[in-house]
C-alpha atoms as a PDB file:
ATOM      1  CA  UNK A   1       8.766  -1.101   4.620  1.00  0.00           C
ATOM      2  CA  UNK A   2      11.116  -2.956   1.830  1.00  0.00           C
ATOM      3  CA  UNK A   3      10.640  -6.139   3.829  1.00  0.00           C
ATOM      4  CA  UNK A   4       7.079  -5.878   4.485  1.00  0.00           C
ATOM      5  CA  UNK A   5       6.078  -5.409   0.708  1.00  0.00           C
ATOM      6  CA  UNK A   6       7.854  -8.616  -0.425  1.00  0.00           C
ATOM      7  CA  UNK A   7       6.183 -10.478   2.481  1.00  0.00           C
ATOM      8  CA  UNK A   8       2.786  -9.294   1.426  1.00  0.00           C
ATOM      9  CA  UNK A   9       3.121 -10.189  -2.157  1.00  0.00           C
ATOM     10  CA  UNK A  10       4.380 -13.787  -1.013  1.00  0.00           C
ATOM     11  CA  UNK A  11       1.300 -14.097   1.310  1.00  0.00           C
ATOM     12  CA  UNK A  12      -1.069 -13.152  -1.265  1.00  0.00           C
ATOM     13  CA  UNK A  13       0.392 -15.491  -4.103  1.00  0.00           C
ATOM     14  CA  UNK A  14       0.241 -18.240  -1.435  1.00  0.00           C
ATOM     15  CA  UNK A  15      -3.591 -17.800  -0.703  1.00  0.00           C
ATOM     16  CA  UNK A  16      -5.056 -19.111  -4.175  1.00  0.00           C
ATOM     17  CA  UNK A  17      -2.533 -22.261  -4.014  1.00  0.00           C
ATOM     18  CA  UNK A  18      -3.970 -22.950  -0.378  1.00  0.00           C
ATOM     19  CA  UNK A  19      -7.494 -22.283  -1.484  1.00  0.00           C
ATOM     20  CA  UNK A  20      -7.092 -24.829  -4.342  1.00  0.00           C
ATOM     21  CA  UNK A  21      -5.758 -27.610  -1.928  1.00  0.00           C
ATOM     22  CA  UNK A  22      -8.054 -30.480  -1.733  1.00  0.00           C
ATOM     23  CA  UNK A  23      -9.793 -30.692   1.562  1.00  0.00           C
ATOM     24  CA  UNK A  24      -8.717 -33.716   3.878  1.00  0.00           C
ATOM     25  CA  UNK A  25     -11.147 -36.681   3.405  1.00  0.00           C
ATOM     26  CA  UNK A  26     -13.458 -36.989   6.255  1.00  0.00           C
ATOM     27  CA  UNK A  27     -12.395 -39.742   8.646  1.00  0.00           C
ATOM     28  CA  UNK A  28     -14.841 -42.833   8.366  1.00  0.00           C
ATOM     29  CA  UNK A  29     -17.269 -43.268  11.111  1.00  0.00           C
ATOM     30  CA  UNK A  30     -16.454 -46.470  12.923  1.00  0.00           C
ATOM     31  CA  UNK A  31     -19.248 -49.044  13.399  1.00  0.00           C
ATOM     32  CA  UNK A  32     -20.954 -49.153  16.682  1.00  0.00           C
ATOM     33  CA  UNK A  33     -22.601 -52.705  16.917  1.00  0.00           C
ATOM     34  CA  UNK A  34     -23.671 -52.820  20.628  1.00  0.00           C
ATOM     35  CA  UNK A  35     -25.396 -50.327  22.973  1.00  0.00           C
ATOM     36  CA  UNK A  36     -26.138 -51.474  26.709  1.00  0.00           C
ATOM     37  CA  UNK A  37     -29.479 -50.744  28.522  1.00  0.00           C
ATOM     38  CA  UNK A  38     -27.826 -48.205  30.651  1.00  0.00           C
ATOM     39  CA  UNK A  39     -26.437 -46.290  27.760  1.00  0.00           C
ATOM     40  CA  UNK A  40     -30.085 -46.314  26.106  1.00  0.00           C
ATOM     41  CA  UNK A  41     -31.249 -44.812  29.521  1.00  0.00           C
ATOM     42  CA  UNK A  42     -28.553 -42.367  29.795  1.00  0.00           C
ATOM     43  CA  UNK A  43     -29.391 -41.191  26.139  1.00  0.00           C
ATOM     44  CA  UNK A  44     -33.142 -40.588  27.144  1.00  0.00           C
ATOM     45  CA  UNK A  45     -32.263 -38.780  30.506  1.00  0.00           C
ATOM     46  CA  UNK A  46     -29.919 -36.377  28.465  1.00  0.00           C
ATOM     47  CA  UNK A  47     -32.590 -35.704  25.750  1.00  0.00           C
ATOM     48  CA  UNK A  48     -35.054 -34.976  28.793  1.00  0.00           C
ATOM     49  CA  UNK A  49     -32.709 -32.812  30.277  1.00  0.00           C
ATOM     50  CA  UNK A  50     -31.809 -30.859  26.796  1.00  0.00           C
ATOM     51  CA  UNK A  51     -35.369 -30.545  25.582  1.00  0.00           C
ATOM     52  CA  UNK A  52     -36.426 -27.094  24.890  1.00  0.00           C
ATOM     53  CA  UNK A  53     -39.143 -26.675  22.181  1.00  0.00           C
ATOM     54  CA  UNK A  54     -37.925 -29.255  19.869  1.00  0.00           C
ATOM     55  CA  UNK A  55     -40.603 -31.902  18.930  1.00  0.00           C
ATOM     56  CA  UNK A  56     -37.889 -34.594  18.440  1.00  0.00           C
ATOM     57  CA  UNK A  57     -34.331 -35.076  19.828  1.00  0.00           C
ATOM     58  CA  UNK A  58     -32.700 -37.880  17.841  1.00  0.00           C
ATOM     59  CA  UNK A  59     -29.436 -39.390  19.267  1.00  0.00           C
ATOM     60  CA  UNK A  60     -27.397 -41.987  17.137  1.00  0.00           C
ATOM     61  CA  UNK A  61     -27.567 -45.342  18.844  1.00  0.00           C
ATOM     62  CA  UNK A  62     -25.812 -47.983  16.544  1.00  0.00           C
ATOM     63  CA  UNK A  63     -24.436 -47.846  12.888  1.00  0.00           C
ATOM     64  CA  UNK A  64     -22.761 -50.134  10.532  1.00  0.00           C
ATOM     65  CA  UNK A  65     -22.366 -49.291   6.818  1.00  0.00           C
ATOM     66  CA  UNK A  66     -25.768 -48.058   5.549  1.00  0.00           C
ATOM     67  CA  UNK A  67     -27.585 -49.404   8.558  1.00  0.00           C
ATOM     68  CA  UNK A  68     -28.294 -47.047  11.558  1.00  0.00           C
ATOM     69  CA  UNK A  69     -30.507 -46.770  14.515  1.00  0.00           C
ATOM     70  CA  UNK A  70     -31.321 -43.796  16.570  1.00  0.00           C
ATOM     71  CA  UNK A  71     -33.273 -43.207  19.932  1.00  0.00           C
ATOM     72  CA  UNK A  72     -35.978 -40.382  19.186  1.00  0.00           C
ATOM     73  CA  UNK A  73     -37.281 -38.720  22.566  1.00  0.00           C
ATOM     74  CA  UNK A  74     -40.422 -36.697  21.831  1.00  0.00           C
ATOM     75  CA  UNK A  75     -42.329 -34.665  24.488  1.00  0.00           C
ATOM     76  CA  UNK A  76     -44.883 -33.376  21.942  1.00  0.00           C
ATOM     77  CA  UNK A  77     -46.212 -34.210  18.373  1.00  0.00           C
ATOM     78  CA  UNK A  78     -43.689 -33.461  15.555  1.00  0.00           C
ATOM     79  CA  UNK A  79     -44.237 -32.900  11.858  1.00  0.00           C
ATOM     80  CA  UNK A  80     -44.902 -35.673   9.322  1.00  0.00           C
ATOM     81  CA  UNK A  81     -41.972 -37.404   7.433  1.00  0.00           C
ATOM     82  CA  UNK A  82     -41.656 -39.685   4.583  1.00  0.00           C
ATOM     83  CA  UNK A  83     -38.508 -41.609   3.541  1.00  0.00           C
ATOM     84  CA  UNK A  84     -37.387 -43.905   0.651  1.00  0.00           C
ATOM     85  CA  UNK A  85     -36.585 -46.786   3.033  1.00  0.00           C
ATOM     86  CA  UNK A  86     -38.700 -48.776   5.584  1.00  0.00           C
ATOM     87  CA  UNK A  87     -38.294 -47.343   9.080  1.00  0.00           C
ATOM     88  CA  UNK A  88     -38.825 -49.656  12.037  1.00  0.00           C
ATOM     89  CA  UNK A  89     -39.956 -48.227  15.453  1.00  0.00           C
ATOM     90  CA  UNK A  90     -39.748 -49.923  19.040  1.00  0.00           C
ATOM     91  CA  UNK A  91     -41.212 -48.065  21.867  1.00  0.00           C
ATOM     92  CA  UNK A  92     -38.534 -48.022  24.653  1.00  0.00           C
ATOM     93  CA  UNK A  93     -40.580 -46.024  27.181  1.00  0.00           C
ATOM     94  CA  UNK A  94     -43.794 -43.950  27.380  1.00  0.00           C
ATOM     95  CA  UNK A  95     -47.041 -43.747  25.025  1.00  0.00           C
ATOM     96  CA  UNK A  96     -48.528 -41.754  22.333  1.00  0.00           C
ATOM     97  CA  UNK A  97     -50.194 -41.839  18.800  1.00  0.00           C
ATOM     98  CA  UNK A  98     -48.591 -42.564  15.431  1.00  0.00           C
ATOM     99  CA  UNK A  99     -50.392 -41.978  12.416  1.00  0.00           C
ATOM    100  CA  UNK A 100     -49.351 -43.539   8.981  1.00  0.00           C
ATOM    101  CA  UNK A 101     -50.436 -43.665   5.408  1.00  0.00           C
ATOM    102  CA  UNK A 102     -52.623 -40.803   3.887  1.00  0.00           C
ATOM    103  CA  UNK A 103     -50.771 -37.722   2.499  1.00  0.00           C
ATOM    104  CA  UNK A 104     -48.719 -34.865   3.900  1.00  0.00           C
ATOM    105  CA  UNK A 105     -50.535 -31.506   3.755  1.00  0.00           C
ATOM    106  CA  UNK A 106     -48.665 -28.554   5.623  1.00  0.00           C
ATOM    107  CA  UNK A 107     -46.310 -30.968   7.702  1.00  0.00           C
ATOM    108  CA  UNK A 108     -49.390 -33.063   8.716  1.00  0.00           C
ATOM    109  CA  UNK A 109     -51.051 -36.350   7.599  1.00  0.00           C
ATOM    110  CA  UNK A 110     -54.539 -36.152   6.216  1.00  0.00           C
ATOM    111  CA  UNK A 111     -56.478 -39.332   5.619  1.00  0.00           C
ATOM    112  CA  UNK A 112     -53.989 -41.552   7.489  1.00  0.00           C
ATOM    113  CA  UNK A 113     -54.592 -44.318  10.130  1.00  0.00           C
ATOM    114  CA  UNK A 114     -53.799 -43.720  13.685  1.00  0.00           C
ATOM    115  CA  UNK A 115     -52.863 -46.109  16.455  1.00  0.00           C
ATOM    116  CA  UNK A 116     -51.884 -45.863  20.010  1.00  0.00           C
ATOM    117  CA  UNK A 117     -48.285 -46.956  20.768  1.00  0.00           C
ATOM    118  CA  UNK A 118     -46.819 -47.985  24.170  1.00  0.00           C
ATOM    119  CA  UNK A 119     -43.704 -49.467  25.753  1.00  0.00           C
ATOM    120  CA  UNK A 120     -42.663 -52.563  24.110  1.00  0.00           C
ATOM    121  CA  UNK A 121     -44.656 -52.140  20.570  1.00  0.00           C
ATOM    122  CA  UNK A 122     -43.317 -52.483  17.267  1.00  0.00           C
ATOM    123  CA  UNK A 123     -44.194 -50.567  14.218  1.00  0.00           C
ATOM    124  CA  UNK A 124     -42.962 -50.889  10.781  1.00  0.00           C
ATOM    125  CA  UNK A 125     -43.324 -48.079   8.281  1.00  0.00           C
ATOM    126  CA  UNK A 126     -43.179 -49.121   4.428  1.00  0.00           C
ATOM    127  CA  UNK A 127     -40.960 -47.096   2.078  1.00  0.00           C
ATOM    128  CA  UNK A 128     -42.540 -43.977   0.746  1.00  0.00           C
ATOM    129  CA  UNK A 129     -45.296 -43.887   3.676  1.00  0.00           C
ATOM    130  CA  UNK A 130     -46.071 -40.724   5.662  1.00  0.00           C
ATOM    131  CA  UNK A 131     -45.776 -41.111   9.154  1.00  0.00           C
ATOM    132  CA  UNK A 132     -46.002 -38.832  12.130  1.00  0.00           C
ATOM    133  CA  UNK A 133     -46.198 -38.966  16.045  1.00  0.00           C
ATOM    134  CA  UNK A 134     -49.458 -36.909  16.362  1.00  0.00           C
ATOM    135  CA  UNK A 135     -49.865 -37.166  20.137  1.00  0.00           C
ATOM    136  CA  UNK A 136     -47.654 -37.801  23.242  1.00  0.00           C
ATOM    137  CA  UNK A 137     -48.806 -39.032  26.471  1.00  0.00           C
ATOM    138  CA  UNK A 138     -46.148 -37.189  28.686  1.00  0.00           C
ATOM    139  CA  UNK A 139     -43.237 -38.238  26.532  1.00  0.00           C
ATOM    140  CA  UNK A 140     -42.311 -41.153  24.101  1.00  0.00           C
ATOM    141  CA  UNK A 141     -38.954 -42.599  23.506  1.00  0.00           C
ATOM    142  CA  UNK A 142     -38.745 -44.698  20.331  1.00  0.00           C
ATOM    143  CA  UNK A 143     -35.766 -46.801  18.500  1.00  0.00           C
ATOM    144  CA  UNK A 144     -35.826 -45.990  15.020  1.00  0.00           C
ATOM    145  CA  UNK A 145     -34.195 -48.069  12.544  1.00  0.00           C
ATOM    146  CA  UNK A 146     -33.732 -47.359   8.946  1.00  0.00           C
ATOM    147  CA  UNK A 147     -34.161 -50.434   6.689  1.00  0.00           C
ATOM    148  CA  UNK A 148     -32.422 -49.647   3.325  1.00  0.00           C
ATOM    149  CA  UNK A 149     -34.060 -51.012   0.302  1.00  0.00           C
END
């Protein structure tokens, strides 16, 4: 018992010191500047297999500094979004309807402009512009690129 009490006191005194130690900085994310067509197809296949009731499965594709791109797999319409940066979309496969502009009310766009998008199409959404995939024909896979100001 005499050994146990000093050990407990020493442990109790060490806890505040350990709690105040600064956390190790997160390792920087290395840039990824190339993705093959086979990798893109693998990302889409994994998203299709993983999909439950998620409106969007977004997987990082490439990144360097403040620039990043993702593959967004959608098998249903999703909520509206708005960002401080521009966002460019390229339709990798599938088709659907993208609505832009207007205003967001209850996670949906009101008074926006809708257009059908399909494989091979590009769409640029300006900064602070509401946008939403409002319909999907089966599924649609988009490459989304944020374009910082």
